[in-house]
Amino acid sequence: MTGAEELSVTGIEGLLAAERYAPLQPRAGLVPGKHYLSTTAGTALWGRLPCAADAPVLRIRPGETVTIDTLSHEGILEDQGQDPVAYFGAHGVPQRDVLADAVEIARDVPRDPTTDGPHVVTGPISVQGARPGDMLAITIVELTPRVDYGVISNRHGRGALPGELPAGPGNVSVFTQVEGTGSRAVGVLPLRTGGPNRVRFPLRPFLGIMGVATPGDVRLNSVPPHLQGGNLDISLLVEGATLYLPVAVDEALAYVGDPHFAQGNGEVSLTALEASLRATLHFDVVPATEARRLFGGARGPVVETDTYLVPTGLDQDLDTAVSNCVRNALEVLSSRYSMDRHLAYAYLSAAADFDISQVVDLVKGSHARIRKSDFTGIAGAPAPRALRS
């Protein structure tokens, strides 16, 4: 094990046996999308993001859906032994419930822990017709847990309290069981290690990494988010949400990874409840002219949910990330609703929430929540292409 501190949260004996998730092994179970993409040594990178020089592992047309078996990095990393059968087995998980793709990636995909990130990234996916200046719209259709367990870690001195936590010299990985299924599923943590009292929290699955390729032939580290997406860790990207990404290379070359079962804004300990998901995603292309009408000169990703428009801001400095988010929010309001800049600034101060996406990924993130209902009935306001019926 490399000296990492391991805290087993709940044993398998604590499960509600009648309400267990059957593990979703590759290609098993329902595949709702038109296309299916598994995470294998031939379709994934470990710790790096696709770039323009990478060949697509799947080609699709705008308007099509893809079901992707995404894979969490927790349980396969070097400080966890790089052997998921042994790691999860030590926490009571039978070998049949360990994902076969976790075993394959840990065994067959190279990674340099001194220079590469930890994340398993699946793709890239070529989207026909996407060109630089367009935006790629990725709508999250369905997210299904592939297992009933996950891990929350604090390592590398990159949590919100480096030097304070972890309290000891090693890393801390907290094995976390899931109880129940569907809307009743909860994550479970003890109040004290080995104690009987438990705190239970709801699951809100989402993908931490969603992005499109950057120009050139250099694969970026998977940890810092950037203007083309990547490790955004925006917990609003649940089922029904759409992420708009500025296309930088022909055919976009989209990728996903870093699946979560739950995360609070900030993700303060470095990771949240990391665990593998089967994700069904709908891809569409927003032409450059329409993208400009929807988002103006906003730089970087924009999220839309049923309730909110969500501009984002990124920077190594959190203050600057928030400032960038405010500027992007002004762009969205002025372009979509023809709102004067000084009035949009006043509205944002009075009515919008500016949240911290995460503070642990080297480049920090902020996102705004602008209620769409506040602008009901405004004549001429465009509807996002990807959400039109």
Protein backbone atom coordinates (compact mmCIF):
# COMPACT_ATOMS: atom_id res chain seq x y z
CA MET A 1 0.00 0.00 0.00
CA THR A 2 2.58 2.93 0.12
CA GLY A 3 1.70 4.02 3.66
CA ALA A 4 -1.63 5.62 2.82
CA GLU A 5 -4.14 5.70 5.66
CA GLU A 6 -7.26 3.69 4.81
CA LEU A 7 -10.54 4.24 6.64
CA SER A 8 -13.28 1.68 6.00
CA VAL A 9 -16.60 3.42 6.49
CA THR A 10 -19.26 0.75 6.34
CA GLY A 11 -18.94 -2.94 5.83
CA ILE A 12 -20.86 -4.89 3.25
CA GLU A 13 -22.87 -6.25 6.15
CA GLY A 14 -24.44 -2.80 6.51
CA LEU A 15 -26.08 -2.88 3.10
CA LEU A 16 -29.76 -3.22 2.51
CA ALA A 17 -29.37 -6.50 0.66
CA ALA A 18 -32.65 -6.20 -1.20
CA GLU A 19 -31.73 -2.77 -2.56
CA ARG A 20 -28.24 -3.28 -3.94
CA TYR A 21 -27.05 -2.01 -7.26
CA ALA A 22 -26.04 -4.90 -9.47
CA PRO A 23 -22.60 -3.92 -10.79
CA LEU A 24 -22.75 -2.64 -14.38
CA GLN A 25 -19.84 -4.39 -16.02
CA PRO A 26 -18.80 -3.25 -19.52
CA ARG A 27 -21.52 -3.97 -22.12
CA ALA A 28 -23.83 -5.52 -19.52
CA GLY A 29 -27.30 -4.19 -18.78
CA LEU A 30 -29.29 -1.52 -20.58
CA VAL A 31 -27.54 0.77 -23.07
CA PRO A 32 -29.96 3.64 -23.84
CA GLY A 33 -27.79 5.53 -26.35
CA LYS A 34 -27.54 5.08 -30.10
CA HIS A 35 -23.81 4.43 -29.63
CA TYR A 36 -21.91 2.69 -26.83
CA LEU A 37 -18.37 3.48 -25.70
CA SER A 38 -16.53 1.44 -23.08
CA THR A 39 -13.43 2.54 -21.20
CA THR A 40 -10.55 0.35 -22.36
CA ALA A 41 -6.84 0.62 -23.00
CA GLY A 42 -7.78 1.61 -26.56
CA THR A 43 -10.37 4.28 -25.74
CA ALA A 44 -8.98 5.99 -22.64
CA LEU A 45 -6.11 8.12 -21.39
CA TRP A 46 -4.99 7.99 -17.76
CA GLY A 47 -4.12 11.41 -16.41
CA ARG A 48 -4.08 13.33 -19.71
CA LEU A 49 -6.70 15.06 -21.90
CA PRO A 50 -7.12 14.50 -25.64
CA CYS A 51 -5.69 17.08 -28.05
CA ALA A 52 -6.11 17.81 -31.75
CA ALA A 53 -3.50 15.20 -32.69
CA ASP A 54 -5.49 12.35 -31.13
CA ALA A 55 -7.53 10.07 -33.38
CA PRO A 56 -11.19 9.74 -32.40
CA VAL A 57 -12.31 6.48 -30.82
CA LEU A 58 -15.92 7.08 -31.96
CA ARG A 59 -17.51 9.19 -34.71
CA ILE A 60 -21.06 10.50 -34.37
CA ARG A 61 -23.42 13.02 -35.97
CA PRO A 62 -24.99 15.99 -34.20
CA GLY A 63 -28.21 15.01 -32.46
CA GLU A 64 -27.03 11.51 -31.54
CA THR A 65 -26.65 9.95 -28.11
CA VAL A 66 -23.76 7.97 -26.70
CA THR A 67 -23.77 5.72 -23.64
CA ILE A 68 -20.34 5.73 -22.02
CA ASP A 69 -19.13 3.48 -19.22
CA THR A 70 -17.02 6.00 -17.32
CA LEU A 71 -14.50 4.85 -14.74
CA SER A 72 -13.41 6.39 -11.46
CA HIS A 73 -9.70 6.59 -10.71
CA GLU A 74 -10.26 5.83 -7.04
CA GLY A 75 -9.19 2.31 -6.16
CA ILE A 76 -6.70 1.97 -9.01
CA LEU A 77 -4.09 4.58 -8.08
CA GLU A 78 -0.54 3.76 -6.95
CA ASP A 79 -1.13 4.85 -3.36
CA GLN A 80 -4.02 2.36 -3.29
CA GLY A 81 -1.90 -0.47 -4.65
CA GLN A 82 -2.95 -0.14 -8.33
CA ASP A 83 -4.92 -3.36 -7.85
CA PRO A 84 -8.67 -2.71 -7.56
CA VAL A 85 -9.53 -6.32 -6.76
CA ALA A 86 -7.22 -6.26 -3.72
CA TYR A 87 -8.07 -2.68 -2.72
CA PHE A 88 -11.83 -3.04 -2.79
CA GLY A 89 -11.62 -6.62 -1.54
CA ALA A 90 -9.95 -5.30 1.61
CA HIS A 91 -13.14 -3.30 2.18
CA GLY A 92 -15.43 -6.28 1.72
CA VAL A 93 -16.25 -5.96 -1.98
CA PRO A 94 -16.34 -9.38 -3.68
CA GLN A 95 -14.26 -9.75 -6.82
CA ARG A 96 -17.39 -10.11 -8.99
CA ASP A 97 -18.42 -6.57 -7.97
CA VAL A 98 -15.11 -4.99 -9.01
CA LEU A 99 -15.39 -3.50 -12.50
CA ALA A 100 -13.46 -5.33 -15.20
CA ASP A 101 -12.48 -2.06 -16.87
CA ALA A 102 -10.91 -0.88 -13.59
CA VAL A 103 -8.73 -3.97 -13.61
CA GLU A 104 -7.80 -3.41 -17.28
CA ILE A 105 -6.90 0.27 -16.93
CA ALA A 106 -4.82 -0.32 -13.78
CA ARG A 107 -2.95 -3.14 -15.50
CA ASP A 108 -2.60 -1.97 -19.12
CA VAL A 109 -2.66 1.84 -19.39
CA PRO A 110 0.59 3.73 -18.71
CA ARG A 111 0.67 6.67 -16.31
CA ASP A 112 3.50 8.69 -14.82
CA PRO A 113 2.33 9.71 -11.34
CA THR A 114 4.97 12.48 -11.19
CA THR A 115 3.60 14.33 -14.23
CA ASP A 116 0.13 12.96 -15.06
CA GLY A 117 -3.18 13.57 -13.36
CA PRO A 118 -5.15 10.77 -11.69
CA HIS A 119 -8.27 10.75 -13.86
CA VAL A 120 -9.34 8.11 -16.38
CA VAL A 121 -10.56 10.03 -19.45
CA THR A 122 -12.65 8.33 -22.16
CA GLY A 123 -12.54 9.60 -25.76
CA PRO A 124 -12.14 11.56 -27.90
CA ILE A 125 -15.47 11.48 -29.74
CA SER A 126 -15.64 13.15 -33.16
CA VAL A 127 -18.83 15.16 -33.75
CA GLN A 128 -19.38 15.67 -37.47
CA GLY A 129 -19.50 19.29 -38.61
CA ALA A 130 -18.22 20.94 -35.42
CA ARG A 131 -15.76 23.72 -36.21
CA PRO A 132 -13.74 26.23 -34.17
CA GLY A 133 -16.03 29.07 -33.14
CA ASP A 134 -19.02 26.74 -32.70
CA MET A 135 -20.08 25.42 -29.33
CA LEU A 136 -20.62 21.77 -28.57
CA ALA A 137 -23.74 21.17 -26.49
CA ILE A 138 -23.60 18.04 -24.32
CA THR A 139 -26.87 17.24 -22.56
CA ILE A 140 -26.79 14.73 -19.71
CA VAL A 141 -29.63 12.33 -20.48
CA GLU A 142 -29.05 9.64 -17.86
CA LEU A 143 -26.47 8.80 -15.18
CA THR A 144 -26.58 5.34 -13.63
CA PRO A 145 -24.26 4.16 -10.83
CA ARG A 146 -22.20 1.16 -11.94
CA VAL A 147 -21.36 0.07 -8.37
CA ASP A 148 -22.67 0.69 -4.85
CA TYR A 149 -19.47 2.01 -3.34
CA GLY A 150 -16.99 4.84 -3.84
CA VAL A 151 -14.05 6.64 -2.28
CA ILE A 152 -13.41 10.14 -0.89
CA SER A 153 -9.73 11.08 -0.69
CA ASN A 154 -7.44 13.75 0.72
CA ARG A 155 -3.97 13.60 -0.79
CA HIS A 156 -1.12 15.49 -2.47
CA GLY A 157 -1.47 18.53 -0.19
CA ARG A 158 -4.07 20.01 -2.51
CA GLY A 159 -7.18 20.12 -0.38
CA ALA A 160 -8.47 23.40 0.98
CA LEU A 161 -6.38 22.92 4.16
CA PRO A 162 -2.93 21.75 3.04
CA GLY A 163 -0.62 21.35 6.03
CA GLU A 164 -3.59 20.79 8.34
CA LEU A 165 -5.27 17.79 6.73
CA PRO A 166 -4.33 15.01 6.32
CA ALA A 167 -3.18 15.22 9.93
CA GLY A 168 -0.56 12.50 9.45
CA PRO A 169 2.16 11.90 6.86
CA GLY A 170 0.07 9.62 4.62
CA ASN A 171 -2.88 10.15 2.34
CA VAL A 172 -6.42 9.46 3.54
CA SER A 173 -8.87 7.48 1.40
CA VAL A 174 -12.33 6.96 2.85
CA PHE A 175 -14.15 3.93 1.42
CA THR A 176 -17.82 4.89 1.30
CA GLN A 177 -20.76 2.52 0.91
CA VAL A 178 -24.03 3.41 -0.80
CA GLU A 179 -27.31 2.27 0.75
CA GLY A 180 -30.54 1.98 -1.22
CA THR A 181 -31.15 2.54 -4.91
CA GLY A 182 -32.57 5.20 -7.19
CA SER A 183 -33.89 8.33 -5.48
CA ARG A 184 -33.51 6.65 -2.07
CA ALA A 185 -29.79 6.01 -2.48
CA VAL A 186 -27.54 7.68 0.09
CA GLY A 187 -23.87 7.78 0.89
CA VAL A 188 -22.96 6.80 4.44
CA LEU A 189 -20.14 8.05 6.68
CA PRO A 190 -19.53 7.44 10.40
CA LEU A 191 -19.26 10.30 12.84
CA ARG A 192 -16.19 8.62 14.33
CA THR A 193 -13.96 5.94 12.84
CA GLY A 194 -15.43 2.59 13.83
CA GLY A 195 -18.31 4.20 15.69
CA PRO A 196 -21.97 3.20 15.38
CA ASN A 197 -23.47 6.58 14.46
CA ARG A 198 -23.78 7.43 10.77
CA VAL A 199 -24.43 10.53 8.69
CA ARG A 200 -26.30 9.91 5.45
CA PHE A 201 -26.27 12.26 2.48
CA PRO A 202 -28.13 12.19 -0.85
CA LEU A 203 -26.46 11.20 -4.10
CA ARG A 204 -26.40 13.62 -7.05
CA PRO A 205 -24.36 11.89 -9.75
CA PHE A 206 -22.46 13.97 -12.31
CA LEU A 207 -19.35 13.89 -14.45
CA GLY A 208 -16.48 15.99 -13.14
CA ILE A 209 -14.66 15.97 -16.49
CA MET A 210 -16.39 17.01 -19.71
CA GLY A 211 -14.43 18.79 -22.42
CA VAL A 212 -13.32 19.18 -26.00
CA ALA A 213 -9.80 18.89 -27.37
CA THR A 214 -7.30 21.72 -27.33
CA PRO A 215 -5.23 22.66 -30.42
CA GLY A 216 -1.79 21.18 -31.05
CA ASP A 217 -0.20 17.90 -30.12
CA VAL A 218 0.26 18.34 -26.36
CA ARG A 219 -2.10 16.44 -24.07
CA LEU A 220 -2.88 18.61 -21.05
CA ASN A 221 -2.72 17.25 -17.51
CA SER A 222 -6.19 16.10 -16.44
CA VAL A 223 -6.26 18.08 -13.18
CA PRO A 224 -6.63 21.80 -14.08
CA PRO A 225 -9.82 22.86 -15.91
CA HIS A 226 -9.48 25.24 -18.85
CA LEU A 227 -11.55 27.20 -21.39
CA GLN A 228 -12.38 24.04 -23.37
CA GLY A 229 -13.69 22.33 -20.23
CA GLY A 230 -11.90 19.41 -18.62
CA ASN A 231 -12.01 18.94 -14.85
CA LEU A 232 -14.71 21.52 -14.17
CA ASP A 233 -16.26 19.68 -11.19
CA ILE A 234 -19.54 21.61 -11.49
CA SER A 235 -22.06 19.66 -9.45
CA LEU A 236 -25.02 21.16 -11.37
CA LEU A 237 -24.17 18.92 -14.33
CA VAL A 238 -26.73 16.31 -13.32
CA GLU A 239 -29.35 14.65 -15.49
CA GLY A 240 -31.14 17.18 -17.68
CA ALA A 241 -28.37 19.78 -17.64
CA THR A 242 -26.52 20.92 -20.77
CA LEU A 243 -22.87 21.93 -20.94
CA TYR A 244 -21.85 24.27 -23.78
CA LEU A 245 -18.16 24.06 -24.68
CA PRO A 246 -16.29 26.35 -27.11
CA VAL A 247 -14.98 24.18 -29.95
CA ALA A 248 -11.27 24.68 -30.63
CA VAL A 249 -10.51 21.94 -33.21
CA ASP A 250 -12.41 20.39 -36.10
CA GLU A 251 -15.02 17.82 -35.01
CA ALA A 252 -14.66 18.98 -31.39
CA LEU A 253 -13.09 15.70 -30.12
CA ALA A 254 -15.13 15.47 -26.93
CA TYR A 255 -14.19 13.45 -23.86
CA VAL A 256 -15.56 12.68 -20.39
CA GLY A 257 -14.43 11.18 -17.10
CA ASP A 258 -14.08 11.70 -13.34
CA PRO A 259 -17.54 10.37 -12.41
CA HIS A 260 -18.97 11.38 -9.04
CA PHE A 261 -21.85 10.10 -6.95
CA ALA A 262 -21.97 13.35 -4.95
CA GLN A 263 -20.03 16.56 -4.37
CA GLY A 264 -20.50 19.75 -2.41
CA ASN A 265 -19.51 23.02 -4.06
CA GLY A 266 -15.83 23.55 -3.29
CA GLU A 267 -14.84 19.85 -3.13
CA VAL A 268 -12.65 20.93 -0.23
CA SER A 269 -10.84 17.70 0.69
CA LEU A 270 -9.56 17.23 -2.91
CA THR A 271 -12.05 14.61 -4.10
CA ALA A 272 -15.73 14.08 -3.40
CA LEU A 273 -17.60 10.76 -3.54
CA GLU A 274 -15.84 9.36 -6.61
CA ALA A 275 -17.42 6.32 -8.25
CA SER A 276 -18.08 4.96 -11.73
CA LEU A 277 -21.17 5.90 -13.76
CA ARG A 278 -22.85 4.76 -16.96
CA ALA A 279 -23.51 8.09 -18.69
CA THR A 280 -25.85 8.62 -21.64
CA LEU A 281 -25.12 11.94 -23.34
CA HIS A 282 -26.74 13.83 -26.22
CA PHE A 283 -24.38 15.78 -28.49
CA ASP A 284 -25.31 18.76 -30.65
CA VAL A 285 -23.48 21.58 -32.42
CA VAL A 286 -24.41 25.23 -31.91
CA PRO A 287 -23.11 27.22 -34.91
CA ALA A 288 -20.85 30.17 -34.17
CA THR A 289 -23.47 32.81 -35.08
CA GLU A 290 -26.06 31.28 -32.78
CA ALA A 291 -23.51 30.73 -30.04
CA ARG A 292 -22.70 34.43 -30.17
CA ARG A 293 -26.41 35.27 -29.89
CA LEU A 294 -26.83 32.98 -26.90
CA PHE A 295 -23.64 33.72 -24.98
CA GLY A 296 -22.08 36.87 -26.46
CA GLY A 297 -18.38 37.07 -25.80
CA ALA A 298 -18.43 34.78 -22.76
CA ARG A 299 -15.18 32.83 -22.57
CA GLY A 300 -15.20 29.22 -21.52
CA PRO A 301 -17.95 26.73 -20.65
CA VAL A 302 -21.56 27.67 -19.91
CA VAL A 303 -24.08 25.36 -18.22
CA GLU A 304 -27.85 25.40 -18.56
CA THR A 305 -30.34 23.59 -16.33
CA ASP A 306 -34.13 23.71 -16.22
CA THR A 307 -33.82 26.50 -13.67
CA TYR A 308 -30.55 28.33 -14.27
CA LEU A 309 -28.17 29.82 -16.78
CA VAL A 310 -24.71 29.11 -15.39
CA PRO A 311 -21.70 31.05 -16.73
CA THR A 312 -18.32 29.99 -15.37
CA GLY A 313 -14.99 31.57 -14.47
CA LEU A 314 -11.56 29.97 -14.09
CA ASP A 315 -8.18 31.08 -12.76
CA GLN A 316 -5.41 29.96 -10.41
CA ASP A 317 -6.51 32.82 -8.15
CA LEU A 318 -10.02 32.39 -6.75
CA ASP A 319 -10.71 36.15 -6.74
CA THR A 320 -9.85 36.33 -10.43
CA ALA A 321 -11.96 33.24 -11.17
CA VAL A 322 -14.98 34.95 -9.61
CA SER A 323 -14.25 38.16 -11.54
CA ASN A 324 -14.07 36.17 -14.78
CA CYS A 325 -17.37 34.53 -13.92
CA VAL A 326 -19.01 37.94 -13.38
CA ARG A 327 -17.70 39.17 -16.75
CA ASN A 328 -19.06 36.07 -18.48
CA ALA A 329 -22.42 36.49 -16.74
CA LEU A 330 -22.59 40.08 -18.03
CA GLU A 331 -21.91 38.81 -21.55
CA VAL A 332 -24.70 36.24 -21.33
CA LEU A 333 -27.26 38.75 -20.05
CA SER A 334 -26.36 41.43 -22.58
CA SER A 335 -26.40 39.06 -25.56
CA ARG A 336 -29.41 36.94 -24.67
CA TYR A 337 -31.67 39.66 -23.25
CA SER A 338 -30.13 42.89 -24.67
CA MET A 339 -29.63 44.07 -21.10
CA ASP A 340 -27.54 47.18 -20.51
CA ARG A 341 -24.25 46.26 -18.87
CA HIS A 342 -24.69 48.49 -15.81
CA LEU A 343 -28.22 47.14 -15.25
CA ALA A 344 -27.03 43.55 -15.71
CA TYR A 345 -24.32 44.21 -13.11
CA ALA A 346 -26.95 45.51 -10.69
CA TYR A 347 -29.19 42.51 -11.36
CA LEU A 348 -26.37 40.04 -10.73
CA SER A 349 -25.60 41.67 -7.40
CA ALA A 350 -29.24 41.60 -6.31
CA ALA A 351 -30.46 38.29 -7.66
CA ALA A 352 -27.75 35.86 -8.80
CA ASP A 353 -25.66 33.46 -6.75
CA PHE A 354 -21.93 33.09 -7.40
CA ASP A 355 -20.73 29.72 -6.18
CA ILE A 356 -17.32 28.09 -5.85
CA SER A 357 -17.17 25.06 -8.14
CA GLN A 358 -13.94 23.73 -6.65
CA VAL A 359 -10.77 25.06 -4.98
CA VAL A 360 -8.57 21.97 -5.31
CA ASP A 361 -7.73 21.49 -9.00
CA LEU A 362 -4.84 24.00 -9.30
CA VAL A 363 -7.05 26.22 -11.49
CA LYS A 364 -10.00 27.24 -9.32
CA GLY A 365 -13.55 27.53 -10.58
CA SER A 366 -16.57 29.73 -9.94
CA HIS A 367 -20.03 29.47 -11.47
CA ALA A 368 -23.04 31.76 -11.37
CA ARG A 369 -26.68 30.74 -11.03
CA ILE A 370 -28.99 33.07 -12.95
CA ARG A 371 -32.70 32.19 -12.64
CA LYS A 372 -34.27 31.88 -16.09
CA SER A 373 -37.72 32.52 -14.60
CA ASP A 374 -36.69 36.10 -13.79
CA PHE A 375 -36.67 36.79 -17.54
CA THR A 376 -39.97 35.15 -18.46
CA GLY A 377 -41.88 36.90 -21.24
CA ILE A 378 -39.03 38.96 -22.66
CA ALA A 379 -39.68 39.30 -26.38
CA GLY A 380 -37.00 38.07 -28.74
CA ALA A 381 -34.98 36.14 -26.18
CA PRO A 382 -33.49 33.11 -27.99
CA ALA A 383 -34.04 29.55 -26.82
CA PRO A 384 -30.94 27.36 -26.68
CA ARG A 385 -30.80 25.13 -29.73
CA ALA A 386 -29.90 21.97 -27.81
CA LEU A 387 -32.98 22.23 -25.57
CA ARG A 388 -35.57 22.93 -28.26
CA SER A 389 -38.13 20.21 -28.90
